[in-house]
C-alpha atoms as a PDB file:
ATOM      1  CA  UNK A   1       2.135  -5.782  15.113  1.00  0.00           C
ATOM      2  CA  UNK A   2       0.009  -3.632  17.439  1.00  0.00           C
ATOM      3  CA  UNK A   3      -1.785  -0.485  16.345  1.00  0.00           C
ATOM      4  CA  UNK A   4       0.386   1.523  18.749  1.00  0.00           C
ATOM      5  CA  UNK A   5       3.590   0.233  17.149  1.00  0.00           C
ATOM      6  CA  UNK A   6       2.293   1.007  13.656  1.00  0.00           C
ATOM      7  CA  UNK A   7       1.327   4.556  14.646  1.00  0.00           C
ATOM      8  CA  UNK A   8       4.734   5.100  16.279  1.00  0.00           C
ATOM      9  CA  UNK A   9       6.591   3.847  13.203  1.00  0.00           C
ATOM     10  CA  UNK A  10       4.435   5.998  10.915  1.00  0.00           C
ATOM     11  CA  UNK A  11       5.061   9.108  13.018  1.00  0.00           C
ATOM     12  CA  UNK A  12       8.810   8.490  13.058  1.00  0.00           C
ATOM     13  CA  UNK A  13       8.815   7.885   9.298  1.00  0.00           C
ATOM     14  CA  UNK A  14       6.807  11.019   8.550  1.00  0.00           C
ATOM     15  CA  UNK A  15       9.003  13.220  10.740  1.00  0.00           C
ATOM     16  CA  UNK A  16      12.464  11.910   9.942  1.00  0.00           C
ATOM     17  CA  UNK A  17      11.892  11.458   6.200  1.00  0.00           C
ATOM     18  CA  UNK A  18      11.567  15.205   5.718  1.00  0.00           C
ATOM     19  CA  UNK A  19      13.126  16.958   8.692  1.00  0.00           C
ATOM     20  CA  UNK A  20      16.914  17.152   8.102  1.00  0.00           C
ATOM     21  CA  UNK A  21      17.814  14.725  10.890  1.00  0.00           C
ATOM     22  CA  UNK A  22      18.271  11.459   8.902  1.00  0.00           C
ATOM     23  CA  UNK A  23      15.509   8.849   8.910  1.00  0.00           C
ATOM     24  CA  UNK A  24      17.985   6.021   8.289  1.00  0.00           C
ATOM     25  CA  UNK A  25      20.192   7.119  11.177  1.00  0.00           C
ATOM     26  CA  UNK A  26      17.262   7.216  13.578  1.00  0.00           C
ATOM     27  CA  UNK A  27      16.152   3.784  12.373  1.00  0.00           C
ATOM     28  CA  UNK A  28      19.571   2.332  13.228  1.00  0.00           C
ATOM     29  CA  UNK A  29      19.513   3.932  16.682  1.00  0.00           C
ATOM     30  CA  UNK A  30      15.938   2.794  17.321  1.00  0.00           C
ATOM     31  CA  UNK A  31      16.822  -0.767  16.372  1.00  0.00           C
ATOM     32  CA  UNK A  32      19.891  -0.748  18.607  1.00  0.00           C
ATOM     33  CA  UNK A  33      18.518   1.076  21.660  1.00  0.00           C
ATOM     34  CA  UNK A  34      14.845   0.134  21.660  1.00  0.00           C
ATOM     35  CA  UNK A  35      14.979  -3.232  19.973  1.00  0.00           C
ATOM     36  CA  UNK A  36      12.713  -1.973  17.203  1.00  0.00           C
ATOM     37  CA  UNK A  37      12.647  -4.495  14.398  1.00  0.00           C
ATOM     38  CA  UNK A  38      11.838  -4.035  10.741  1.00  0.00           C
ATOM     39  CA  UNK A  39       8.071  -3.695  10.253  1.00  0.00           C
ATOM     40  CA  UNK A  40       8.187  -6.010   7.249  1.00  0.00           C
ATOM     41  CA  UNK A  41       8.401  -5.106   3.600  1.00  0.00           C
ATOM     42  CA  UNK A  42       4.699  -4.485   3.009  1.00  0.00           C
ATOM     43  CA  UNK A  43       4.393  -2.032   5.903  1.00  0.00           C
ATOM     44  CA  UNK A  44       7.760  -0.456   5.081  1.00  0.00           C
ATOM     45  CA  UNK A  45       6.586   0.234   1.528  1.00  0.00           C
ATOM     46  CA  UNK A  46       3.289   1.572   2.898  1.00  0.00           C
ATOM     47  CA  UNK A  47       5.130   4.071   5.103  1.00  0.00           C
ATOM     48  CA  UNK A  48       7.199   5.226   2.125  1.00  0.00           C
ATOM     49  CA  UNK A  49       4.044   5.600   0.036  1.00  0.00           C
ATOM     50  CA  UNK A  50       2.581   7.700   2.837  1.00  0.00           C
ATOM     51  CA  UNK A  51       5.519  10.097   2.752  1.00  0.00           C
ATOM     52  CA  UNK A  52       5.313  10.147  -1.045  1.00  0.00           C
ATOM     53  CA  UNK A  53       1.666  11.147  -0.731  1.00  0.00           C
ATOM     54  CA  UNK A  54       2.573  13.996   1.626  1.00  0.00           C
ATOM     55  CA  UNK A  55       4.957  15.493  -0.957  1.00  0.00           C
ATOM     56  CA  UNK A  56       2.284  15.181  -3.649  1.00  0.00           C
ATOM     57  CA  UNK A  57      -0.274  16.965  -1.455  1.00  0.00           C
ATOM     58  CA  UNK A  58       1.997  19.827  -0.368  1.00  0.00           C
ATOM     59  CA  UNK A  59       3.417  20.366  -3.859  1.00  0.00           C
ATOM     60  CA  UNK A  60       0.238  19.417  -5.737  1.00  0.00           C
ATOM     61  CA  UNK A  61       0.361  22.369  -8.140  1.00  0.00           C
ATOM     62  CA  UNK A  62       3.925  21.494  -9.135  1.00  0.00           C
ATOM     63  CA  UNK A  63       3.077  17.800  -9.493  1.00  0.00           C
ATOM     64  CA  UNK A  64       0.136  18.572 -11.778  1.00  0.00           C
ATOM     65  CA  UNK A  65       2.300  20.939 -13.816  1.00  0.00           C
ATOM     66  CA  UNK A  66       4.963  18.252 -14.181  1.00  0.00           C
ATOM     67  CA  UNK A  67       2.355  15.653 -15.161  1.00  0.00           C
ATOM     68  CA  UNK A  68       0.895  17.937 -17.836  1.00  0.00           C
ATOM     69  CA  UNK A  69       4.405  18.727 -19.051  1.00  0.00           C
ATOM     70  CA  UNK A  70       5.243  15.031 -19.361  1.00  0.00           C
ATOM     71  CA  UNK A  71       2.077  14.401 -21.387  1.00  0.00           C
ATOM     72  CA  UNK A  72       2.717  17.419 -23.610  1.00  0.00           C
ATOM     73  CA  UNK A  73       6.268  16.246 -24.305  1.00  0.00           C
ATOM     74  CA  UNK A  74       4.790  13.034 -25.686  1.00  0.00           C
ATOM     75  CA  UNK A  75       1.896  14.586 -27.606  1.00  0.00           C
ATOM     76  CA  UNK A  76       3.457  17.916 -28.586  1.00  0.00           C
ATOM     77  CA  UNK A  77       7.247  17.407 -28.658  1.00  0.00           C
ATOM     78  CA  UNK A  78       7.810  20.581 -30.693  1.00  0.00           C
ATOM     79  CA  UNK A  79       6.031  22.605 -27.977  1.00  0.00           C
ATOM     80  CA  UNK A  80       3.848  24.465 -30.494  1.00  0.00           C
ATOM     81  CA  UNK A  81       0.684  24.359 -28.396  1.00  0.00           C
ATOM     82  CA  UNK A  82       2.123  24.065 -24.880  1.00  0.00           C
ATOM     83  CA  UNK A  83       4.040  27.311 -24.369  1.00  0.00           C
ATOM     84  CA  UNK A  84       2.632  27.760 -20.863  1.00  0.00           C
ATOM     85  CA  UNK A  85       4.095  24.396 -19.840  1.00  0.00           C
ATOM     86  CA  UNK A  86       7.627  25.277 -20.916  1.00  0.00           C
ATOM     87  CA  UNK A  87       8.823  26.040 -17.334  1.00  0.00           C
ATOM     88  CA  UNK A  88       7.490  22.682 -16.137  1.00  0.00           C
ATOM     89  CA  UNK A  89       9.044  20.886 -19.094  1.00  0.00           C
ATOM     90  CA  UNK A  90      12.384  22.310 -18.068  1.00  0.00           C
ATOM     91  CA  UNK A  91      11.779  21.449 -14.403  1.00  0.00           C
ATOM     92  CA  UNK A  92      10.920  17.888 -15.395  1.00  0.00           C
ATOM     93  CA  UNK A  93      14.199  17.593 -17.309  1.00  0.00           C
ATOM     94  CA  UNK A  94      16.088  19.028 -14.322  1.00  0.00           C
ATOM     95  CA  UNK A  95      14.535  16.410 -12.032  1.00  0.00           C
ATOM     96  CA  UNK A  96      15.411  13.636 -14.481  1.00  0.00           C
ATOM     97  CA  UNK A  97      19.019  14.850 -14.658  1.00  0.00           C
ATOM     98  CA  UNK A  98      19.187  15.168 -10.873  1.00  0.00           C
ATOM     99  CA  UNK A  99      17.856  11.644 -10.448  1.00  0.00           C
ATOM    100  CA  UNK A 100      20.646  10.120 -12.557  1.00  0.00           C
ATOM    101  CA  UNK A 101      23.474  10.331  -9.967  1.00  0.00           C
ATOM    102  CA  UNK A 102      21.033   9.332  -7.219  1.00  0.00           C
ATOM    103  CA  UNK A 103      19.938   6.273  -9.157  1.00  0.00           C
ATOM    104  CA  UNK A 104      23.469   5.240 -10.102  1.00  0.00           C
ATOM    105  CA  UNK A 105      24.736   5.524  -6.526  1.00  0.00           C
ATOM    106  CA  UNK A 106      21.706   3.672  -5.180  1.00  0.00           C
ATOM    107  CA  UNK A 107      21.998   0.896  -7.757  1.00  0.00           C
ATOM    108  CA  UNK A 108      25.732   0.282  -7.563  1.00  0.00           C
ATOM    109  CA  UNK A 109      26.546   1.107  -3.951  1.00  0.00           C
ATOM    110  CA  UNK A 110      23.452   0.161  -1.928  1.00  0.00           C
ATOM    111  CA  UNK A 111      25.003  -3.136  -0.826  1.00  0.00           C
ATOM    112  CA  UNK A 112      28.276  -1.378  -0.002  1.00  0.00           C
ATOM    113  CA  UNK A 113      26.526   0.888   2.480  1.00  0.00           C
ATOM    114  CA  UNK A 114      24.219  -1.824   3.824  1.00  0.00           C
ATOM    115  CA  UNK A 115      26.721  -2.991   6.443  1.00  0.00           C
ATOM    116  CA  UNK A 116      26.832   0.514   7.935  1.00  0.00           C
ATOM    117  CA  UNK A 117      23.289  -0.002   9.216  1.00  0.00           C
ATOM    118  CA  UNK A 118      24.744  -2.340  11.824  1.00  0.00           C
ATOM    119  CA  UNK A 119      27.146   0.298  13.182  1.00  0.00           C
ATOM    120  CA  UNK A 120      25.587   2.850  15.569  1.00  0.00           C
ATOM    121  CA  UNK A 121      29.006   4.435  16.106  1.00  0.00           C
ATOM    122  CA  UNK A 122      29.335   5.166  12.390  1.00  0.00           C
ATOM    123  CA  UNK A 123      25.829   6.635  12.437  1.00  0.00           C
ATOM    124  CA  UNK A 124      26.962   8.916  15.263  1.00  0.00           C
ATOM    125  CA  UNK A 125      29.812  10.272  13.147  1.00  0.00           C
ATOM    126  CA  UNK A 126      27.493  10.616  10.134  1.00  0.00           C
ATOM    127  CA  UNK A 127      24.970  12.575  12.219  1.00  0.00           C
ATOM    128  CA  UNK A 128      27.771  14.917  13.259  1.00  0.00           C
ATOM    129  CA  UNK A 129      28.588  15.256   9.559  1.00  0.00           C
ATOM    130  CA  UNK A 130      24.960  16.170   8.891  1.00  0.00           C
ATOM    131  CA  UNK A 131      25.123  18.710  11.709  1.00  0.00           C
ATOM    132  CA  UNK A 132      28.228  20.317  10.229  1.00  0.00           C
ATOM    133  CA  UNK A 133      26.626  20.468   6.769  1.00  0.00           C
ATOM    134  CA  UNK A 134      23.522  22.123   8.193  1.00  0.00           C
ATOM    135  CA  UNK A 135      25.537  24.492  10.374  1.00  0.00           C
ATOM    136  CA  UNK A 136      27.741  25.853   7.585  1.00  0.00           C
ATOM    137  CA  UNK A 137      24.726  26.139   5.266  1.00  0.00           C
ATOM    138  CA  UNK A 138      22.319  27.781   7.709  1.00  0.00           C
ATOM    139  CA  UNK A 139      23.356  31.357   6.891  1.00  0.00           C
ATOM    140  CA  UNK A 140      23.486  30.872   3.133  1.00  0.00           C
ATOM    141  CA  UNK A 141      20.940  32.977   1.290  1.00  0.00           C
ATOM    142  CA  UNK A 142      21.279  32.719  -2.464  1.00  0.00           C
ATOM    143  CA  UNK A 143      19.438  34.731  -5.070  1.00  0.00           C
ATOM    144  CA  UNK A 144      18.811  32.240  -7.854  1.00  0.00           C
ATOM    145  CA  UNK A 145      15.240  31.103  -8.452  1.00  0.00           C
ATOM    146  CA  UNK A 146      13.979  27.935 -10.110  1.00  0.00           C
ATOM    147  CA  UNK A 147      14.088  29.279 -13.706  1.00  0.00           C
ATOM    148  CA  UNK A 148      17.810  29.967 -13.155  1.00  0.00           C
ATOM    149  CA  UNK A 149      18.672  26.430 -12.014  1.00  0.00           C
ATOM    150  CA  UNK A 150      20.987  24.708 -14.514  1.00  0.00           C
ATOM    151  CA  UNK A 151      21.503  21.066 -15.355  1.00  0.00           C
ATOM    152  CA  UNK A 152      24.891  21.208 -13.624  1.00  0.00           C
ATOM    153  CA  UNK A 153      23.090  22.404 -10.488  1.00  0.00           C
ATOM    154  CA  UNK A 154      20.680  19.489 -10.780  1.00  0.00           C
ATOM    155  CA  UNK A 155      23.583  17.036 -11.019  1.00  0.00           C
ATOM    156  CA  UNK A 156      25.188  18.449  -7.865  1.00  0.00           C
ATOM    157  CA  UNK A 157      21.957  18.247  -5.881  1.00  0.00           C
ATOM    158  CA  UNK A 158      21.313  14.743  -7.224  1.00  0.00           C
ATOM    159  CA  UNK A 159      24.819  13.698  -6.183  1.00  0.00           C
ATOM    160  CA  UNK A 160      24.137  15.012  -2.683  1.00  0.00           C
ATOM    161  CA  UNK A 161      20.920  13.004  -2.588  1.00  0.00           C
ATOM    162  CA  UNK A 162      22.755   9.883  -3.683  1.00  0.00           C
ATOM    163  CA  UNK A 163      25.371  10.263  -0.943  1.00  0.00           C
ATOM    164  CA  UNK A 164      22.548  10.441   1.600  1.00  0.00           C
ATOM    165  CA  UNK A 165      22.153   6.682   1.201  1.00  0.00           C
ATOM    166  CA  UNK A 166      24.661   6.669   4.066  1.00  0.00           C
ATOM    167  CA  UNK A 167      22.806   6.110   7.372  1.00  0.00           C
ATOM    168  CA  UNK A 168      23.057   9.256   9.457  1.00  0.00           C
ATOM    169  CA  UNK A 169      23.348  11.595   6.465  1.00  0.00           C
ATOM    170  CA  UNK A 170      20.089  13.469   5.956  1.00  0.00           C
ATOM    171  CA  UNK A 171      18.650  13.421   2.439  1.00  0.00           C
ATOM    172  CA  UNK A 172      16.658  16.619   2.824  1.00  0.00           C
ATOM    173  CA  UNK A 173      19.487  18.309   4.716  1.00  0.00           C
ATOM    174  CA  UNK A 174      22.187  17.544   2.155  1.00  0.00           C
ATOM    175  CA  UNK A 175      20.059  18.371  -0.880  1.00  0.00           C
ATOM    176  CA  UNK A 176      18.851  21.671   0.575  1.00  0.00           C
ATOM    177  CA  UNK A 177      22.422  22.514   1.597  1.00  0.00           C
ATOM    178  CA  UNK A 178      23.672  21.627  -1.897  1.00  0.00           C
ATOM    179  CA  UNK A 179      21.093  23.968  -3.391  1.00  0.00           C
ATOM    180  CA  UNK A 180      22.032  26.774  -1.010  1.00  0.00           C
ATOM    181  CA  UNK A 181      25.707  26.362  -1.881  1.00  0.00           C
ATOM    182  CA  UNK A 182      24.764  26.562  -5.566  1.00  0.00           C
ATOM    183  CA  UNK A 183      23.307  29.994  -4.727  1.00  0.00           C
ATOM    184  CA  UNK A 184      19.637  28.919  -4.780  1.00  0.00           C
ATOM    185  CA  UNK A 185      17.346  31.051  -2.690  1.00  0.00           C
ATOM    186  CA  UNK A 186      15.850  29.174   0.253  1.00  0.00           C
ATOM    187  CA  UNK A 187      12.462  28.600  -1.344  1.00  0.00           C
ATOM    188  CA  UNK A 188      14.035  27.172  -4.505  1.00  0.00           C
ATOM    189  CA  UNK A 189      16.440  24.947  -2.549  1.00  0.00           C
ATOM    190  CA  UNK A 190      13.547  23.529  -0.520  1.00  0.00           C
ATOM    191  CA  UNK A 191      11.174  23.116  -3.447  1.00  0.00           C
ATOM    192  CA  UNK A 192      13.750  21.406  -5.657  1.00  0.00           C
ATOM    193  CA  UNK A 193      14.842  19.133  -2.792  1.00  0.00           C
ATOM    194  CA  UNK A 194      11.334  17.838  -2.137  1.00  0.00           C
ATOM    195  CA  UNK A 195      10.419  17.427  -5.792  1.00  0.00           C
ATOM    196  CA  UNK A 196      13.656  15.504  -6.337  1.00  0.00           C
ATOM    197  CA  UNK A 197      12.669  13.205  -3.467  1.00  0.00           C
ATOM    198  CA  UNK A 198       9.701  11.868  -5.455  1.00  0.00           C
ATOM    199  CA  UNK A 199      11.650   9.652  -7.888  1.00  0.00           C
ATOM    200  CA  UNK A 200      13.988   8.646  -5.042  1.00  0.00           C
ATOM    201  CA  UNK A 201      11.110   7.470  -2.833  1.00  0.00           C
ATOM    202  CA  UNK A 202       9.457   5.719  -5.783  1.00  0.00           C
ATOM    203  CA  UNK A 203      12.753   4.051  -6.656  1.00  0.00           C
ATOM    204  CA  UNK A 204      13.285   2.864  -3.085  1.00  0.00           C
ATOM    205  CA  UNK A 205       9.785   1.380  -3.056  1.00  0.00           C
ATOM    206  CA  UNK A 206      10.320  -0.249  -6.465  1.00  0.00           C
ATOM    207  CA  UNK A 207      13.489  -1.959  -5.236  1.00  0.00           C
ATOM    208  CA  UNK A 208      11.356  -3.640  -2.574  1.00  0.00           C
ATOM    209  CA  UNK A 209       8.909  -5.064  -5.119  1.00  0.00           C
ATOM    210  CA  UNK A 210      10.459  -8.580  -5.305  1.00  0.00           C
ATOM    211  CA  UNK A 211      10.316  -8.883  -1.502  1.00  0.00           C
ATOM    212  CA  UNK A 212       6.843  -7.355  -1.440  1.00  0.00           C
ATOM    213  CA  UNK A 213       5.500 -10.146  -3.639  1.00  0.00           C
ATOM    214  CA  UNK A 214       6.343 -12.663  -0.907  1.00  0.00           C
ATOM    215  CA  UNK A 215       5.432 -10.432   2.050  1.00  0.00           C
ATOM    216  CA  UNK A 216       2.194  -8.821   0.869  1.00  0.00           C
ATOM    217  CA  UNK A 217       0.046 -10.938   3.214  1.00  0.00           C
ATOM    218  CA  UNK A 218       2.192 -10.321   6.303  1.00  0.00           C
ATOM    219  CA  UNK A 219       0.040  -7.372   7.425  1.00  0.00           C
ATOM    220  CA  UNK A 220      -3.742  -6.926   7.266  1.00  0.00           C
ATOM    221  CA  UNK A 221      -4.986  -4.250   4.893  1.00  0.00           C
ATOM    222  CA  UNK A 222      -6.101  -2.006   7.762  1.00  0.00           C
ATOM    223  CA  UNK A 223      -2.532  -1.872   9.094  1.00  0.00           C
ATOM    224  CA  UNK A 224      -1.239  -0.805   5.681  1.00  0.00           C
ATOM    225  CA  UNK A 225      -3.938   1.893   5.395  1.00  0.00           C
ATOM    226  CA  UNK A 226      -3.202   3.212   8.899  1.00  0.00           C
ATOM    227  CA  UNK A 227       0.523   3.311   8.103  1.00  0.00           C
ATOM    228  CA  UNK A 228      -0.035   5.245   4.874  1.00  0.00           C
ATOM    229  CA  UNK A 229      -2.481   7.709   6.452  1.00  0.00           C
ATOM    230  CA  UNK A 230      -0.435   8.512   9.568  1.00  0.00           C
ATOM    231  CA  UNK A 231       2.902   8.837   7.754  1.00  0.00           C
ATOM    232  CA  UNK A 232       1.250  11.067   5.119  1.00  0.00           C
ATOM    233  CA  UNK A 233      -0.351  13.375   7.698  1.00  0.00           C
ATOM    234  CA  UNK A 234       2.809  13.649   9.783  1.00  0.00           C
ATOM    235  CA  UNK A 235       4.847  14.145   6.611  1.00  0.00           C
ATOM    236  CA  UNK A 236       2.670  17.103   5.588  1.00  0.00           C
ATOM    237  CA  UNK A 237       3.210  18.721   8.990  1.00  0.00           C
ATOM    238  CA  UNK A 238       6.968  18.043   8.813  1.00  0.00           C
ATOM    239  CA  UNK A 239       7.314  19.559   5.329  1.00  0.00           C
ATOM    240  CA  UNK A 240       5.375  22.700   6.252  1.00  0.00           C
ATOM    241  CA  UNK A 241       7.364  23.056   9.475  1.00  0.00           C
ATOM    242  CA  UNK A 242      10.697  22.712   7.663  1.00  0.00           C
ATOM    243  CA  UNK A 243       9.663  25.225   4.995  1.00  0.00           C
ATOM    244  CA  UNK A 244       8.689  27.714   7.711  1.00  0.00           C
ATOM    245  CA  UNK A 245      11.961  27.164   9.592  1.00  0.00           C
ATOM    246  CA  UNK A 246      14.003  27.678   6.425  1.00  0.00           C
ATOM    247  CA  UNK A 247      12.183  30.896   5.574  1.00  0.00           C
ATOM    248  CA  UNK A 248      13.166  32.200   9.019  1.00  0.00           C
ATOM    249  CA  UNK A 249      16.759  31.030   8.579  1.00  0.00           C
ATOM    250  CA  UNK A 250      16.492  28.505  11.426  1.00  0.00           C
ATOM    251  CA  UNK A 251      18.244  25.564   9.759  1.00  0.00           C
ATOM    252  CA  UNK A 252      20.891  25.684  12.492  1.00  0.00           C
ATOM    253  CA  UNK A 253      18.439  24.303  15.069  1.00  0.00           C
ATOM    254  CA  UNK A 254      18.435  20.995  13.224  1.00  0.00           C
ATOM    255  CA  UNK A 255      22.237  21.196  13.195  1.00  0.00           C
ATOM    256  CA  UNK A 256      22.265  21.489  16.994  1.00  0.00           C
ATOM    257  CA  UNK A 257      20.036  18.436  17.276  1.00  0.00           C
ATOM    258  CA  UNK A 258      22.047  16.190  14.956  1.00  0.00           C
ATOM    259  CA  UNK A 259      25.354  17.295  16.510  1.00  0.00           C
ATOM    260  CA  UNK A 260      24.000  16.474  19.970  1.00  0.00           C
ATOM    261  CA  UNK A 261      22.519  13.101  19.008  1.00  0.00           C
ATOM    262  CA  UNK A 262      25.651  12.171  17.059  1.00  0.00           C
ATOM    263  CA  UNK A 263      27.945  13.037  19.973  1.00  0.00           C
ATOM    264  CA  UNK A 264      25.797  11.146  22.495  1.00  0.00           C
ATOM    265  CA  UNK A 265      25.714   8.141  20.170  1.00  0.00           C
ATOM    266  CA  UNK A 266      29.513   8.029  19.904  1.00  0.00           C
ATOM    267  CA  UNK A 267      29.979   8.447  23.652  1.00  0.00           C
ATOM    268  CA  UNK A 268      27.322   6.142  25.032  1.00  0.00           C
ATOM    269  CA  UNK A 269      26.032   3.725  22.398  1.00  0.00           C
END
């Protein structure tokens, strides 16, 4: 694979993984319209690790807080010496609870949805669905902050993330919308959505491990490094851009895009 193709794939991965326009839907359309083939498991995992790295960098303070909370839960389960970590302990539990429906849907229904990746027309309808979700959620402005998020809220957002296994349904779009409809403020909806993506991205990469063991030599190390670096850098830009757009209440612009692409896909693809 050429360096140009790797850079293009990494840019697309970094943008579509976090902007609410559906990375899986764009992959299906790219494969159908441009003849883009799978980059291979090793490079695919590298691109996912790049986007994982971008979340870690942007939300580094939260990640470190969660890591310290996890360690304290093992070493100080009664929380006698870790009072300052109590909010992160609770956030960690919320993320675990939210990951349960995502994991169950991914484990039991991944094969069921696999055939949809061969149907651009279905992706068109799903993109329209994403557009509708974003459109009706764009004016929502809740008041609840992260300390007010409940375990029921986490389950709802996790369910939304699990349903985004459908190609054309945006993971970030549906999880942010779910948070907004649970009366989260925009910052909390965005923050919880991206933190919840961490176990999902790790899980997706882990599922590729058996294939990775047979494909690890398919790409030179430099290609893997380039893929990780570019997707991470683009992912950072995409996250910051989405956060800024949400703060200004501009979620509807992504709705216009997905509605347009979905309609054009149904009509012409």
